[in-house]
Amino acid sequence: MKNKIESIEQLKFDEHNFNDHTPEGKELIKKSLERNGFGRSVVVDKNNNLIGGNGVVEMARELGKKKVDMPTSIIIFVKISSHAL
């Protein structure tokens, strides 16, 4: 199965994400995005729910980015079993 993400707006934030970035951390993410673009992958499930990279996507949206500027092969689709939690 290969999902295709056309727009950053398709990505849904994880309401259970415990990584609350500090204002300083958010600014560093923004600077990195401005200088380097997406330097790491974001991890989503088959329904485009973010599992990793919430801060990156949040700051990219604040910067007005409309697309995920990374090869789609870097976007990883995973299935998490409730037994793994």
Protein backbone atom coordinates (compact mmCIF):
# COMPACT_ATOMS: atom_id res chain seq x y z
CA MET A 1 0.00 0.00 0.00
CA LYS A 2 1.39 3.38 -0.96
CA ASN A 3 -0.27 6.51 0.33
CA LYS A 4 0.37 9.76 -1.47
CA ILE A 5 0.42 12.99 0.46
CA GLU A 6 -0.35 15.93 -1.80
CA SER A 7 -0.62 18.63 0.85
CA ILE A 8 0.71 19.25 4.33
CA GLU A 9 -2.92 19.90 5.33
CA GLN A 10 -3.64 16.18 4.89
CA LEU A 11 -1.49 15.41 7.93
CA LYS A 12 -3.39 15.16 11.21
CA PHE A 13 -1.78 15.98 14.55
CA ASP A 14 -1.50 13.31 17.23
CA GLU A 15 -3.72 14.41 20.10
CA HIS A 16 -1.75 12.09 22.40
CA ASN A 17 1.63 13.60 21.57
CA PHE A 18 3.45 14.33 24.82
CA ASN A 19 6.38 16.19 23.23
CA ASP A 20 5.40 19.78 23.94
CA HIS A 21 8.11 21.88 22.30
CA THR A 22 9.39 24.97 24.08
CA PRO A 23 9.16 28.32 22.28
CA GLU A 24 12.94 28.17 21.79
CA GLY A 25 12.70 24.65 20.35
CA LYS A 26 9.98 25.74 17.94
CA GLU A 27 12.14 28.63 16.74
CA LEU A 28 15.03 26.22 16.12
CA ILE A 29 12.75 23.97 14.08
CA LYS A 30 11.57 26.98 12.05
CA LYS A 31 15.14 28.11 11.38
CA SER A 32 16.11 24.62 10.31
CA LEU A 33 13.12 24.40 7.94
CA GLU A 34 13.96 27.80 6.44
CA ARG A 35 17.62 26.90 5.90
CA ASN A 36 17.42 23.22 5.05
CA GLY A 37 13.83 22.32 4.29
CA PHE A 38 12.57 19.04 5.68
CA GLY A 39 15.73 17.44 7.03
CA ARG A 40 14.02 14.42 8.49
CA SER A 41 11.03 12.30 7.78
CA VAL A 42 7.67 12.51 9.43
CA VAL A 43 5.97 9.28 10.42
CA VAL A 44 2.29 8.80 9.70
CA ASP A 45 -0.14 5.92 9.83
CA LYS A 46 -2.35 4.82 6.94
CA ASN A 47 -4.88 7.54 7.84
CA ASN A 48 -2.28 10.35 7.72
CA ASN A 49 -2.21 10.68 11.53
CA LEU A 50 1.19 11.96 12.63
CA ILE A 51 3.13 9.57 14.82
CA GLY A 52 6.44 11.44 14.62
CA GLY A 53 7.28 14.90 13.41
CA ASN A 54 4.40 16.84 14.95
CA GLY A 55 6.66 19.81 15.73
CA VAL A 56 8.15 19.85 12.24
CA VAL A 57 4.72 19.86 10.61
CA GLU A 58 3.39 22.49 13.03
CA MET A 59 6.27 24.86 12.28
CA ALA A 60 6.09 24.16 8.54
CA ARG A 61 2.44 25.18 8.59
CA GLU A 62 3.32 28.36 10.52
CA LEU A 63 5.86 29.15 7.80
CA GLY A 64 3.11 28.75 5.21
CA LYS A 65 4.48 25.59 3.61
CA LYS A 66 1.83 23.80 1.59
CA LYS A 67 3.68 20.63 0.59
CA VAL A 68 5.79 18.08 2.37
CA ASP A 69 9.14 18.86 0.73
CA MET A 70 10.61 15.40 0.98
CA PRO A 71 10.55 12.32 -1.19
CA THR A 72 7.43 10.31 -0.48
CA SER A 73 9.64 7.27 0.06
CA ILE A 74 10.84 8.92 3.28
CA ILE A 75 7.33 9.17 4.66
CA ILE A 76 6.87 5.95 6.57
CA PHE A 77 3.48 4.31 7.01
CA VAL A 78 3.23 2.06 10.04
CA LYS A 79 0.60 0.01 11.77
CA ILE A 80 0.81 0.05 15.55
CA SER A 81 -0.76 -2.74 17.50
CA SER A 82 -2.41 -1.91 20.81
CA HIS A 83 -0.35 -4.80 22.21
CA ALA A 84 2.82 -2.81 21.56
CA LEU A 85 1.71 0.03 23.84
